[in-house]
Amino acid sequence: MRRVEYQALYRKYRPQTFGEVVGQRHVTETLAHEVTEGKVAHAYLFAGPRGTGKTTTARILAKALNCPNRTAEGEPDNTCDSCVAVTDGTSLDVIELDAASHNKVEDIREIRVNVGTVASVGGAHRVYILDEAHMLSRAAGNALLKTLEEPPEHVIFVLATTEPYKLLDTIRSRAQRFDFHPIPGETLAAYLGELAGREGYELAPEAASVITHHARGSARDALSLMEQVAALGGGAVTARGVGRALGLADREAFERLVGAIDEGDAAGALALVAALAAEGADLRRFVADSLEFFRGLFLAHYAPNMEEIVDEGTDVIEQWRKQAARLSSAQVLRALDELGDALTQLREGREERLVLELALLRLVRPETASDTGALAARLDRVEDRLRRLASAAPAQAAEREAPPPAAAAAPVSPSAPFAAASDEPKAEEEEPAPEAPPEERPDLAPVEGLDLAAVETVWPALVTRVRDAVGPRRNALLREAKPASVEGATVVLSVAEHMKFHLEQLKADEELREVVEREAAELLGGGVTVQYREEEVAEQPSLLGEDEIPAAHELVDAGEGGIDPAELVVDMLGGQVVEDGAPGEG
């Protein structure tokens, strides 16, 4: 009795017709039409990621060319002797070579000798499939050129490669190129579901989503992973089983990481690393998956049409959007930078857990880092706190300054208590409140306890806000001023003595003054007024006494004395005096 050897799923379910190839209709339909119309090229270049069907499609093309019972759509029947021989790998007319091991000039010379031999069956085609063609040496590639350009009529070359840019330009120009694309996630998930049903596996939808995500569009990788998890789980393929097989962290780990960054929780971030290590998770893969996760958060901030630009399920996109709302765009970009640096260090062989802990610590505590990104993150936090304090301070000040309800009513005489209790006072007894002048800002109580240090603290943020409100030209005037003193609720800004034009412009620009006062009130938590003054410069004592300062006539006399300007220049510059001479004289 013949023993049936076990076959891996990707070999067992290898497509045998053009129609069975998954996710590459743009390639298979074109090849089928060329076969039916008899317009087959002498050389093809199949380029694309691994596991997308390049070699499989080359074999189907070879079967279709040599099948005597080919259908009208160009499909082989897979029952004739030629098709069976190609499927079993015993056909004399289909020669498969691995360029990784046949990359020398001698190997190419052997091919050039063999292409002259006829096919095993009259009228058949001899197909050479050169896998990993980018591994050919430069000398071997040049040796193949002439044969590739003008092969015998019955010979067809198919070059398959994952890195077409490494091939010689002269080779690429002699072949008809087809690009194999990564298989879309939904298509690959449906394919896995179909094969899982044939094998009797229980494939959970969440597990299919995780498998397709990590297969990166490769059908072979997806089938191998599903087969591995099914063996681990006794036929059940679950998301947890996929995570155990790959050493993956679950979605909750990424949500915990976002929460730690949002709250600045260093202890929580380090506890997350400890939990991952205890569960046996692959820390390097966690860093790579975190990069992918924060890329999703980045897209959620800047791309409202994410469904059109990412190949992910609806549940993943919704999780990205939900978590992106907890972080600012600056925090997300900083996370991408830190995790990218950590991944580079891990690939260099650094200690995985320590590298990850340091990266997360710098994320949750920007003050521990000294780069410009960390400084920007700290400034964002300070500005956020200032905005919160500024928004809360006016309300608190208004509550402190608001008169009691009885004081807000019109004064009532003690002899008329019933009149005060009347629900509808007479119109003639009501007096409209006088309108306060705009500069008094009655809606905002003056700030209390203001000092110069507080003004200097918020001054950079104030200048930035004014620039956003009035533009850089008018803000340039304000930048020439600086806080000099505080008088109650009045902030005095001084301008240098030599900038009288700037000072006059500032005093004349009432709109700019209103903007400065408004923004300063929001930053300081109360109403302020602004005044501009000329900077007082203390008179510097003279270094010379009055009796040491020479008079004007003394300077003239000194010049007329014995000091020769020419001698002074010669002495300072080390030159020599040359008398003007006649032309040609030395």
Protein backbone atom coordinates (compact mmCIF):
# COMPACT_ATOMS: atom_id res chain seq x y z
CA MET A 1 0.00 0.00 0.00
CA ARG A 2 1.36 3.36 -1.04
CA ARG A 3 1.87 5.80 1.77
CA VAL A 4 0.40 9.25 1.14
CA GLU A 5 2.80 11.91 2.35
CA TYR A 6 1.41 14.95 4.10
CA GLN A 7 1.52 18.18 2.09
CA ALA A 8 1.56 21.67 3.46
CA LEU A 9 -1.58 23.66 2.71
CA TYR A 10 0.16 26.05 0.34
CA ARG A 11 1.33 23.06 -1.74
CA LYS A 12 -1.89 21.10 -1.43
CA TYR A 13 -4.02 24.02 -2.63
CA ARG A 14 -1.59 25.50 -5.15
CA PRO A 15 -3.67 27.00 -8.02
CA GLN A 16 -3.71 24.89 -11.16
CA THR A 17 -5.57 27.28 -13.50
CA PHE A 18 -5.52 31.00 -14.16
CA GLY A 19 -8.91 31.36 -12.51
CA GLU A 20 -7.70 29.85 -9.23
CA VAL A 21 -4.91 32.41 -8.74
CA VAL A 22 -6.00 34.73 -5.92
CA GLY A 23 -5.88 38.50 -6.25
CA GLN A 24 -3.99 38.76 -9.58
CA ARG A 25 -6.72 39.00 -12.20
CA HIS A 26 -4.92 41.80 -14.02
CA VAL A 27 -2.11 39.32 -14.74
CA THR A 28 -3.98 36.06 -15.30
CA GLU A 29 -6.62 37.48 -17.65
CA THR A 30 -3.97 39.12 -19.82
CA LEU A 31 -1.93 35.92 -20.06
CA ALA A 32 -5.01 33.86 -20.87
CA HIS A 33 -5.89 36.22 -23.73
CA GLU A 34 -2.34 36.08 -25.09
CA VAL A 35 -2.46 32.27 -25.07
CA THR A 36 -5.82 32.08 -26.87
CA GLU A 37 -4.79 34.66 -29.48
CA GLY A 38 -1.35 33.16 -30.04
CA LYS A 39 0.45 36.37 -29.10
CA VAL A 40 2.74 35.01 -26.41
CA ALA A 41 5.93 36.97 -25.76
CA HIS A 42 9.33 35.32 -25.87
CA ALA A 43 10.25 36.54 -22.37
CA TYR A 44 8.24 37.57 -19.28
CA LEU A 45 9.25 39.29 -16.06
CA PHE A 46 7.03 38.50 -13.04
CA ALA A 47 7.78 40.93 -10.21
CA GLY A 48 6.12 41.21 -6.81
CA PRO A 49 6.26 40.30 -3.11
CA ARG A 50 6.76 36.73 -1.97
CA GLY A 51 3.81 34.38 -1.89
CA THR A 52 1.70 36.25 -4.44
CA GLY A 53 1.75 33.56 -7.19
CA LYS A 54 4.65 34.39 -9.51
CA THR A 55 6.09 30.90 -9.92
CA THR A 56 2.64 29.31 -9.80
CA THR A 57 1.43 31.55 -12.63
CA ALA A 58 4.54 30.70 -14.66
CA ARG A 59 3.73 26.99 -14.34
CA ILE A 60 0.10 27.56 -15.35
CA LEU A 61 1.31 29.51 -18.39
CA ALA A 62 3.56 26.58 -19.34
CA LYS A 63 0.66 24.11 -18.98
CA ALA A 64 -1.67 26.32 -21.03
CA LEU A 65 0.87 26.61 -23.85
CA ASN A 66 1.40 22.84 -24.12
CA CYS A 67 -2.09 21.56 -23.28
CA PRO A 68 -3.79 19.95 -26.32
CA ASN A 69 -7.20 20.24 -24.67
CA ARG A 70 -6.96 23.89 -23.72
CA THR A 71 -10.32 25.63 -23.20
CA ALA A 72 -11.56 28.57 -25.22
CA GLU A 73 -10.63 30.84 -22.27
CA GLY A 74 -7.01 29.69 -22.39
CA GLU A 75 -7.22 27.41 -19.33
CA PRO A 76 -5.38 24.04 -19.24
CA ASP A 77 -7.49 20.94 -18.62
CA ASN A 78 -5.05 19.50 -16.01
CA THR A 79 -5.87 15.95 -17.15
CA CYS A 80 -3.66 15.45 -20.21
CA ASP A 81 -0.18 13.95 -19.93
CA SER A 82 1.51 17.32 -20.43
CA CYS A 83 -0.48 19.05 -17.66
CA VAL A 84 0.01 16.15 -15.23
CA ALA A 85 3.76 16.14 -15.90
CA VAL A 86 4.00 19.88 -15.23
CA THR A 87 1.96 19.49 -12.03
CA ASP A 88 4.17 16.63 -10.82
CA GLY A 89 7.35 18.46 -11.78
CA THR A 90 8.48 15.77 -14.25
CA SER A 91 7.91 17.59 -17.54
CA LEU A 92 10.88 17.77 -19.88
CA ASP A 93 9.52 20.95 -21.44
CA VAL A 94 9.38 23.01 -18.24
CA ILE A 95 12.78 23.70 -16.71
CA GLU A 96 12.81 25.49 -13.36
CA LEU A 97 16.08 27.00 -12.19
CA ASP A 98 16.93 28.86 -9.03
CA ALA A 99 19.10 31.83 -9.89
CA ALA A 100 20.44 31.86 -6.34
CA SER A 101 22.34 28.62 -7.09
CA HIS A 102 22.63 28.98 -10.90
CA ASN A 103 24.02 32.48 -11.11
CA LYS A 104 27.35 31.91 -12.79
CA VAL A 105 28.36 32.38 -16.41
CA GLU A 106 28.85 28.61 -16.80
CA ASP A 107 25.22 28.00 -15.82
CA ILE A 108 23.96 30.49 -18.40
CA ARG A 109 26.17 28.92 -21.08
CA GLU A 110 24.54 25.56 -20.33
CA ILE A 111 21.12 27.14 -20.80
CA ARG A 112 22.23 28.64 -24.13
CA VAL A 113 23.30 25.20 -25.31
CA ASN A 114 20.07 23.52 -24.19
CA VAL A 115 17.68 26.06 -25.75
CA GLY A 116 18.64 24.75 -29.15
CA THR A 117 17.17 21.33 -28.46
CA VAL A 118 13.63 20.70 -29.58
CA ALA A 119 10.66 20.09 -27.30
CA SER A 120 9.72 16.57 -26.29
CA VAL A 121 6.44 16.79 -28.21
CA GLY A 122 6.18 18.23 -31.69
CA GLY A 123 4.86 21.77 -31.71
CA ALA A 124 5.21 22.15 -27.94
CA HIS A 125 6.94 25.03 -26.15
CA ARG A 126 9.94 24.73 -23.88
CA VAL A 127 9.54 27.09 -20.91
CA TYR A 128 12.46 28.16 -18.73
CA ILE A 129 11.36 29.49 -15.31
CA LEU A 130 14.22 31.36 -13.63
CA ASP A 131 13.25 32.04 -10.01
CA GLU A 132 14.90 34.79 -7.94
CA ALA A 133 16.31 36.20 -11.16
CA HIS A 134 17.78 39.23 -9.37
CA MET A 135 20.44 36.88 -7.92
CA LEU A 136 22.14 36.58 -11.30
CA SER A 137 25.64 38.01 -11.33
CA ARG A 138 26.35 40.86 -13.72
CA ALA A 139 28.44 38.61 -15.95
CA ALA A 140 25.72 35.95 -16.00
CA GLY A 141 23.09 38.55 -16.83
CA ASN A 142 25.13 39.84 -19.74
CA ALA A 143 25.64 36.27 -20.96
CA LEU A 144 21.88 35.74 -20.95
CA LEU A 145 21.09 38.87 -22.95
CA LYS A 146 21.50 37.53 -26.50
CA THR A 147 19.54 34.36 -25.81
CA LEU A 148 16.84 36.29 -24.01
CA GLU A 149 16.45 38.73 -26.89
CA GLU A 150 16.34 36.20 -29.74
CA PRO A 151 15.52 32.72 -28.42
CA PRO A 152 14.28 29.92 -30.70
CA GLU A 153 10.59 30.18 -31.55
CA HIS A 154 9.65 27.28 -29.27
CA VAL A 155 11.50 28.69 -26.20
CA ILE A 156 9.93 31.07 -23.65
CA PHE A 157 11.68 32.57 -20.63
CA VAL A 158 9.87 33.55 -17.41
CA LEU A 159 11.96 35.49 -14.90
CA ALA A 160 10.45 35.72 -11.41
CA THR A 161 11.84 38.14 -8.83
CA THR A 162 10.95 40.03 -5.68
CA GLU A 163 13.49 42.76 -6.44
CA PRO A 164 13.22 43.72 -10.12
CA TYR A 165 15.29 46.87 -9.67
CA LYS A 166 18.39 44.67 -9.17
CA LEU A 167 18.10 43.23 -12.66
CA LEU A 168 20.08 44.75 -15.50
CA ASP A 169 18.19 47.40 -17.42
CA THR A 170 18.95 45.54 -20.61
CA ILE A 171 17.23 42.42 -19.24
CA ARG A 172 14.16 44.34 -18.08
CA SER A 173 13.81 45.99 -21.47
CA ARG A 174 13.75 42.61 -23.27
CA ALA A 175 10.93 41.11 -21.20
CA GLN A 176 7.20 41.80 -20.88
CA ARG A 177 6.72 42.81 -17.26
CA PHE A 178 3.81 41.89 -14.99
CA ASP A 179 3.62 43.24 -11.44
CA PHE A 180 2.02 40.97 -8.84
CA HIS A 181 0.35 42.97 -6.08
CA PRO A 182 -0.05 42.03 -2.39
CA ILE A 183 -3.39 40.25 -2.03
CA PRO A 184 -6.02 42.57 -0.44
CA GLY A 185 -6.97 41.69 3.13
CA GLU A 186 -10.63 40.97 2.45
CA THR A 187 -9.79 38.74 -0.53
CA LEU A 188 -7.17 36.83 1.44
CA ALA A 189 -9.49 36.42 4.45
CA ALA A 190 -12.23 34.98 2.22
CA TYR A 191 -9.68 32.60 0.66
CA LEU A 192 -8.59 31.42 4.12
CA GLY A 193 -12.20 30.85 5.12
CA GLU A 194 -12.81 28.72 2.05
CA LEU A 195 -9.76 26.51 2.62
CA ALA A 196 -10.45 26.29 6.37
CA GLY A 197 -13.86 24.88 5.53
CA ARG A 198 -12.29 22.24 3.28
CA GLU A 199 -9.86 21.22 6.02
CA GLY A 200 -12.46 21.28 8.80
CA TYR A 201 -10.84 24.14 10.72
CA GLU A 202 -12.83 26.52 12.93
CA LEU A 203 -11.53 29.88 11.74
CA ALA A 204 -12.66 32.85 13.86
CA PRO A 205 -13.15 36.12 11.92
CA GLU A 206 -10.82 37.96 14.34
CA ALA A 207 -8.14 35.31 13.74
CA ALA A 208 -8.51 35.67 9.96
CA SER A 209 -8.06 39.44 10.33
CA VAL A 210 -4.88 39.04 12.39
CA ILE A 211 -3.47 36.42 10.00
CA THR A 212 -4.06 38.55 6.89
CA HIS A 213 -2.57 41.58 8.62
CA HIS A 214 0.68 39.78 9.43
CA ALA A 215 0.84 37.91 6.12
CA ARG A 216 1.24 41.27 4.34
CA GLY A 217 -0.66 40.10 1.27
CA SER A 218 1.16 36.76 0.92
CA ALA A 219 -1.14 33.77 0.42
CA ARG A 220 1.66 31.31 1.22
CA ASP A 221 2.48 33.01 4.54
CA ALA A 222 -1.20 33.22 5.48
CA LEU A 223 -1.79 29.50 4.78
CA SER A 224 1.33 28.47 6.69
CA LEU A 225 0.30 30.54 9.71
CA MET A 226 -3.27 29.24 9.70
CA GLU A 227 -1.98 25.68 9.48
CA GLN A 228 0.40 26.25 12.40
CA VAL A 229 -2.30 27.74 14.65
CA ALA A 230 -4.75 24.98 13.73
CA ALA A 231 -2.21 22.37 14.80
CA LEU A 232 -1.66 24.26 18.05
CA GLY A 233 -5.36 24.60 18.82
CA GLY A 234 -6.58 21.22 17.66
CA GLY A 235 -8.30 22.58 14.57
CA ALA A 236 -9.52 25.81 16.20
CA VAL A 237 -7.94 28.99 14.80
CA THR A 238 -8.51 31.85 17.26
CA ALA A 239 -7.00 35.31 17.59
CA ARG A 240 -5.38 34.29 20.88
CA GLY A 241 -3.88 31.24 19.20
CA VAL A 242 -2.44 33.42 16.43
CA GLY A 243 -1.00 35.73 19.07
CA ARG A 244 0.64 32.83 20.88
CA ALA A 245 2.10 31.44 17.66
CA LEU A 246 3.57 34.79 16.62
CA GLY A 247 4.36 36.17 20.07
CA LEU A 248 1.96 39.06 19.52
CA ALA A 249 0.49 41.48 22.03
CA ASP A 250 -3.27 41.89 22.05
CA ARG A 251 -5.07 45.15 21.28
CA GLU A 252 -5.42 45.97 24.96
CA ALA A 253 -1.64 46.39 25.19
CA PHE A 254 -1.70 49.23 22.65
CA GLU A 255 -4.60 50.90 24.44
CA ARG A 256 -2.64 50.71 27.71
CA LEU A 257 0.33 52.30 25.97
CA VAL A 258 -1.80 55.18 24.68
CA GLY A 259 -3.26 55.69 28.17
CA ALA A 260 0.21 55.79 29.73
CA ILE A 261 1.37 58.43 27.21
CA ASP A 262 -1.78 60.49 27.72
CA GLU A 263 -1.49 60.45 31.53
CA GLY A 264 2.31 60.57 31.74
CA ASP A 265 2.22 57.28 33.66
CA ALA A 266 5.79 55.98 33.68
CA ALA A 267 4.99 53.19 36.13
CA GLY A 268 2.13 52.00 33.92
CA ALA A 269 4.38 51.93 30.83
CA LEU A 270 7.06 49.89 32.62
CA ALA A 271 4.40 47.54 34.01
CA LEU A 272 3.18 46.99 30.44
CA VAL A 273 6.66 45.91 29.34
CA ALA A 274 6.90 43.56 32.32
CA ALA A 275 3.51 42.00 31.48
CA LEU A 276 4.53 41.47 27.85
CA ALA A 277 7.79 39.84 28.87
CA ALA A 278 5.97 37.58 31.37
CA GLU A 279 3.53 36.44 28.66
CA GLY A 280 6.41 35.53 26.36
CA ALA A 281 5.57 38.20 23.79
CA ASP A 282 8.16 39.03 21.15
CA LEU A 283 9.26 42.52 22.24
CA ARG A 284 10.84 43.30 18.88
CA ARG A 285 7.60 42.41 17.12
CA PHE A 286 5.69 44.51 19.68
CA VAL A 287 7.79 47.53 18.75
CA ALA A 288 7.15 46.89 15.05
CA ASP A 289 3.41 46.44 15.67
CA SER A 290 3.37 49.60 17.80
CA LEU A 291 4.86 51.50 14.88
CA GLU A 292 2.03 50.21 12.69
CA PHE A 293 -0.51 51.12 15.37
CA PHE A 294 0.74 54.70 15.77
CA ARG A 295 0.82 55.01 11.99
CA GLY A 296 -2.91 54.33 12.17
CA LEU A 297 -3.29 57.06 14.80
CA PHE A 298 -1.30 59.41 12.58
CA LEU A 299 -3.64 58.70 9.66
CA ALA A 300 -6.64 59.19 11.95
CA HIS A 301 -5.39 62.72 12.68
CA TYR A 302 -4.69 63.74 9.10
CA ALA A 303 -6.73 61.44 6.79
CA PRO A 304 -10.50 61.47 7.36
CA ASN A 305 -10.90 59.04 4.42
CA MET A 306 -8.90 56.22 6.01
CA GLU A 307 -11.14 53.54 4.57
CA GLU A 308 -9.85 54.47 1.11
CA ILE A 309 -6.12 54.45 1.88
CA VAL A 310 -5.62 51.51 4.27
CA ASP A 311 -6.31 47.82 3.83
CA GLU A 312 -7.73 47.14 7.30
CA GLY A 313 -11.05 46.08 8.76
CA THR A 314 -13.64 48.48 10.11
CA ASP A 315 -12.97 47.44 13.72
CA VAL A 316 -9.26 48.30 13.40
CA ILE A 317 -9.98 51.70 11.87
CA GLU A 318 -12.49 52.53 14.61
CA GLN A 319 -9.94 51.60 17.27
CA TRP A 320 -7.38 53.91 15.63
CA ARG A 321 -9.81 56.81 15.62
CA LYS A 322 -10.86 56.23 19.22
CA GLN A 323 -7.29 56.12 20.50
CA ALA A 324 -6.15 59.04 18.29
CA ALA A 325 -8.64 61.29 20.10
CA ARG A 326 -6.64 60.79 23.33
CA LEU A 327 -3.32 62.07 21.93
CA SER A 328 -2.25 65.18 20.11
CA SER A 329 -0.66 64.95 16.68
CA ALA A 330 2.69 66.00 18.20
CA GLN A 331 2.55 63.09 20.65
CA VAL A 332 1.76 60.64 17.86
CA LEU A 333 4.63 61.86 15.67
CA ARG A 334 7.01 61.70 18.61
CA ALA A 335 5.89 58.12 19.32
CA LEU A 336 6.68 57.17 15.71
CA ASP A 337 10.16 58.68 16.01
CA GLU A 338 10.97 57.01 19.35
CA LEU A 339 9.64 53.59 18.34
CA GLY A 340 11.45 53.78 15.00
CA ASP A 341 14.75 54.49 16.79
CA ALA A 342 14.05 51.65 19.23
CA LEU A 343 13.42 49.21 16.37
CA THR A 344 16.72 50.21 14.76
CA GLN A 345 18.56 49.57 18.03
CA LEU A 346 16.88 46.19 18.42
CA ARG A 347 17.99 45.16 14.93
CA GLU A 348 21.54 46.04 15.96
CA GLY A 349 21.31 43.44 18.73
CA ARG A 350 20.70 45.67 21.75
CA GLU A 351 19.04 44.30 24.91
CA GLU A 352 15.37 44.16 23.93
CA ARG A 353 13.62 44.86 27.22
CA LEU A 354 15.91 47.73 28.22
CA VAL A 355 15.61 49.41 24.82
CA LEU A 356 11.81 49.18 24.96
CA GLU A 357 11.64 50.46 28.54
CA LEU A 358 13.81 53.47 27.74
CA ALA A 359 11.78 54.26 24.61
CA LEU A 360 8.47 54.15 26.50
CA LEU A 361 9.91 56.19 29.38
CA ARG A 362 10.93 58.93 26.96
CA LEU A 363 7.43 58.84 25.50
CA VAL A 364 5.50 59.15 28.75
CA ARG A 365 8.03 61.53 30.38
CA PRO A 366 9.36 63.92 27.72
CA GLU A 367 11.38 65.76 30.39
CA THR A 368 13.77 62.80 30.49
CA ALA A 369 14.83 63.43 26.88
CA SER A 370 16.85 66.36 25.54
CA ASP A 371 15.92 66.35 21.84
CA THR A 372 13.83 69.05 20.19
CA GLY A 373 10.83 66.73 19.94
CA ALA A 374 10.82 66.23 23.70
CA LEU A 375 11.10 69.98 24.22
CA ALA A 376 8.12 70.55 21.92
CA ALA A 377 6.14 67.95 23.84
CA ARG A 378 6.90 69.66 27.14
CA LEU A 379 5.91 73.04 25.72
CA ASP A 380 2.65 71.54 24.50
CA ARG A 381 1.89 70.32 28.00
CA VAL A 382 2.74 73.68 29.56
CA GLU A 383 0.58 75.56 27.04
CA ASP A 384 -2.27 73.13 27.61
CA ARG A 385 -2.09 73.73 31.36
CA LEU A 386 -1.97 77.49 30.83
CA ARG A 387 -5.02 77.33 28.58
CA ARG A 388 -6.92 75.36 31.19
CA LEU A 389 -5.94 77.77 33.97
CA ALA A 390 -6.80 80.77 31.80
CA SER A 391 -10.22 79.39 30.94
CA ALA A 392 -10.98 78.62 34.58
CA ALA A 393 -9.61 81.85 36.10
CA PRO A 394 -12.12 84.34 34.54
CA ALA A 395 -15.05 82.26 35.76
CA GLN A 396 -13.60 82.11 39.27
CA ALA A 397 -12.84 85.83 39.25
CA ALA A 398 -16.38 86.60 38.07
CA GLU A 399 -17.80 84.53 40.91
CA ARG A 400 -15.66 86.41 43.42
CA GLU A 401 -16.60 89.83 42.05
CA ALA A 402 -20.29 89.17 41.32
CA PRO A 403 -22.58 91.18 43.68
CA PRO A 404 -25.10 89.29 45.79
CA PRO A 405 -28.62 88.95 44.33
CA ALA A 406 -30.01 91.60 46.68
CA ALA A 407 -27.41 94.14 45.64
CA ALA A 408 -28.22 93.66 41.98
CA ALA A 409 -31.80 94.83 42.51
CA ALA A 410 -32.80 98.49 42.67
CA PRO A 411 -32.40 100.11 46.15
CA VAL A 412 -35.57 99.84 48.19
CA SER A 413 -36.67 102.21 50.97
CA PRO A 414 -37.26 100.55 54.36
CA SER A 415 -40.62 102.28 54.56
CA ALA A 416 -41.87 100.45 51.43
CA PRO A 417 -41.17 96.74 51.97
CA PHE A 418 -44.14 95.64 49.92
CA ALA A 419 -42.99 97.63 46.91
CA ALA A 420 -39.69 95.80 46.99
CA ALA A 421 -41.52 92.48 46.98
CA SER A 422 -43.65 93.38 43.99
CA ASP A 423 -43.21 90.98 41.05
CA GLU A 424 -43.76 93.72 38.46
CA PRO A 425 -42.03 96.98 39.44
CA LYS A 426 -43.19 100.09 37.70
CA ALA A 427 -41.39 101.13 34.59
CA GLU A 428 -40.69 104.63 35.88
CA GLU A 429 -38.87 103.22 38.92
CA GLU A 430 -36.37 101.33 36.72
CA GLU A 431 -33.21 103.15 35.75
CA PRO A 432 -31.01 101.68 33.00
CA ALA A 433 -27.46 100.87 34.11
CA PRO A 434 -24.87 103.23 32.65
CA GLU A 435 -22.70 101.70 29.97
CA ALA A 436 -19.11 101.24 31.04
CA PRO A 437 -16.40 102.54 28.72
CA PRO A 438 -14.76 99.80 26.62
CA GLU A 439 -11.37 100.22 28.23
CA GLU A 440 -12.67 99.29 31.66
CA ARG A 441 -13.66 95.77 30.44
CA PRO A 442 -16.45 95.27 33.03
CA ASP A 443 -16.85 91.63 31.94
CA LEU A 444 -13.38 90.69 33.21
CA ALA A 445 -12.20 91.50 36.73
CA PRO A 446 -8.72 93.01 36.98
CA VAL A 447 -6.07 90.46 37.84
CA GLU A 448 -4.97 90.48 41.46
CA GLY A 449 -1.43 90.08 42.80
CA LEU A 450 0.20 90.52 39.41
CA ASP A 451 3.98 90.79 39.41
CA LEU A 452 6.68 91.17 36.78
CA ALA A 453 7.80 87.53 37.09
CA ALA A 454 4.36 86.27 36.06
CA VAL A 455 4.34 88.57 33.02
CA GLU A 456 7.83 87.47 31.96
CA THR A 457 6.73 83.80 32.26
CA VAL A 458 3.84 84.16 29.79
CA TRP A 459 5.56 86.71 27.53
CA PRO A 460 6.80 84.22 24.87
CA ALA A 461 3.35 82.64 24.61
CA LEU A 462 1.77 86.11 24.48
CA VAL A 463 3.97 87.20 21.57
CA THR A 464 3.10 83.99 19.69
CA ARG A 465 -0.64 84.49 20.19
CA VAL A 466 -0.46 88.11 19.07
CA ARG A 467 1.43 87.07 15.95
CA ASP A 468 -1.32 84.58 15.09
CA ALA A 469 -3.95 87.29 15.60
CA VAL A 470 -2.41 90.31 13.86
CA GLY A 471 0.22 88.83 11.56
CA PRO A 472 4.02 88.95 11.53
CA ARG A 473 4.39 92.57 10.34
CA ARG A 474 2.57 94.20 13.24
CA ASN A 475 3.87 91.60 15.65
CA ALA A 476 7.40 92.71 14.75
CA LEU A 477 6.68 96.00 16.53
CA LEU A 478 5.65 94.19 19.69
CA ARG A 479 8.78 92.02 19.65
CA GLU A 480 10.87 95.16 20.13
CA ALA A 481 9.15 95.73 23.48
CA LYS A 482 9.72 93.82 26.71
CA PRO A 483 8.07 93.75 30.13
CA ALA A 484 9.60 96.44 32.31
CA SER A 485 7.34 96.76 35.36
CA VAL A 486 3.87 96.11 36.73
CA GLU A 487 1.72 98.79 38.33
CA GLY A 488 -1.35 97.16 39.81
CA ALA A 489 -3.17 95.64 36.84
CA THR A 490 -1.14 97.66 34.32
CA VAL A 491 1.74 96.05 32.47
CA VAL A 492 4.40 98.50 31.34
CA LEU A 493 6.27 97.50 28.18
CA SER A 494 9.50 99.33 27.46
CA VAL A 495 11.03 100.10 24.06
CA ALA A 496 14.69 100.94 23.58
CA GLU A 497 15.53 104.64 23.50
CA HIS A 498 16.85 104.53 19.91
CA MET A 499 13.60 102.96 18.58
CA LYS A 500 11.39 105.99 18.81
CA PHE A 501 9.60 105.09 15.59
CA HIS A 502 8.58 101.71 16.99
CA LEU A 503 7.38 103.33 20.20
CA GLU A 504 5.20 105.81 18.35
CA GLN A 505 3.76 103.09 16.16
CA LEU A 506 2.89 100.96 19.18
CA LYS A 507 1.20 103.85 20.95
CA ALA A 508 -0.84 104.71 17.85
CA ASP A 509 -2.02 101.16 17.12
CA GLU A 510 -5.09 100.82 19.36
CA GLU A 511 -6.19 97.57 17.73
CA LEU A 512 -2.84 95.96 18.53
CA ARG A 513 -3.14 97.16 22.13
CA GLU A 514 -6.58 95.56 22.45
CA VAL A 515 -5.27 92.26 21.11
CA VAL A 516 -2.32 92.32 23.53
CA GLU A 517 -4.61 93.08 26.48
CA ARG A 518 -7.08 90.38 25.48
CA GLU A 519 -4.44 87.65 25.06
CA ALA A 520 -2.62 88.73 28.22
CA ALA A 521 -5.89 88.52 30.16
CA GLU A 522 -6.41 84.94 29.00
CA LEU A 523 -2.87 83.93 29.96
CA LEU A 524 -2.81 85.77 33.31
CA GLY A 525 -6.37 84.98 34.40
CA GLY A 526 -7.68 88.52 34.74
CA GLY A 527 -8.05 91.87 33.07
CA VAL A 528 -4.93 93.92 32.43
CA THR A 529 -4.06 97.13 30.65
CA VAL A 530 -0.93 97.78 28.65
CA GLN A 531 1.21 100.91 28.47
CA TYR A 532 4.26 101.60 26.33
CA ARG A 533 7.17 103.65 27.60
CA GLU A 534 10.65 104.54 26.51
CA GLU A 535 13.28 102.44 28.21
CA GLU A 536 15.13 104.35 30.89
CA VAL A 537 18.85 103.94 30.40
CA ALA A 538 21.09 104.87 33.30
CA GLU A 539 23.74 107.42 32.41
CA GLN A 540 27.12 105.76 32.19
CA PRO A 541 29.97 107.60 33.94
CA SER A 542 32.76 108.78 31.68
CA LEU A 543 35.98 106.84 31.78
CA LEU A 544 37.95 110.05 31.37
CA GLY A 545 38.11 112.94 33.74
CA GLU A 546 37.12 116.40 32.56
CA ASP A 547 40.71 117.53 32.66
CA GLU A 548 41.78 114.54 30.53
CA ILE A 549 39.45 115.27 27.61
CA PRO A 550 41.46 117.16 24.98
CA ALA A 551 39.99 120.27 23.39
CA ALA A 552 39.25 120.56 19.67
CA HIS A 553 42.20 122.83 18.96
CA GLU A 554 44.47 120.44 20.77
CA LEU A 555 43.34 117.62 18.47
CA VAL A 556 44.07 119.77 15.42
CA ASP A 557 47.44 120.70 16.77
CA ALA A 558 48.20 117.12 17.47
CA GLY A 559 47.33 116.26 13.88
CA GLU A 560 49.57 119.01 12.66
CA GLY A 561 52.38 117.90 14.91
CA GLY A 562 54.70 115.11 13.98
CA ILE A 563 52.19 112.22 13.33
CA ASP A 564 52.20 111.31 9.68
CA PRO A 565 49.10 109.35 8.56
CA ALA A 566 51.14 107.37 6.05
CA GLU A 567 53.61 106.33 8.74
CA LEU A 568 50.69 105.30 10.95
CA VAL A 569 49.23 103.07 8.20
CA VAL A 570 52.66 101.54 7.50
CA ASP A 571 53.09 100.83 11.18
CA MET A 572 49.61 99.24 11.54
CA LEU A 573 49.51 97.24 8.31
CA GLY A 574 53.16 96.41 7.86
CA GLY A 575 53.36 97.91 4.37
CA GLN A 576 55.76 100.16 2.56
CA VAL A 577 55.34 103.41 0.72
CA VAL A 578 55.83 103.18 -3.04
CA GLU A 579 56.33 106.39 -5.00
CA ASP A 580 54.38 106.83 -8.24
CA GLY A 581 56.74 106.24 -11.11
CA ALA A 582 56.62 106.33 -14.85
CA PRO A 583 55.15 103.39 -16.70
CA GLY A 584 57.54 100.54 -16.92
CA GLU A 585 59.51 101.54 -13.86
CA GLY A 586 59.89 98.96 -11.11
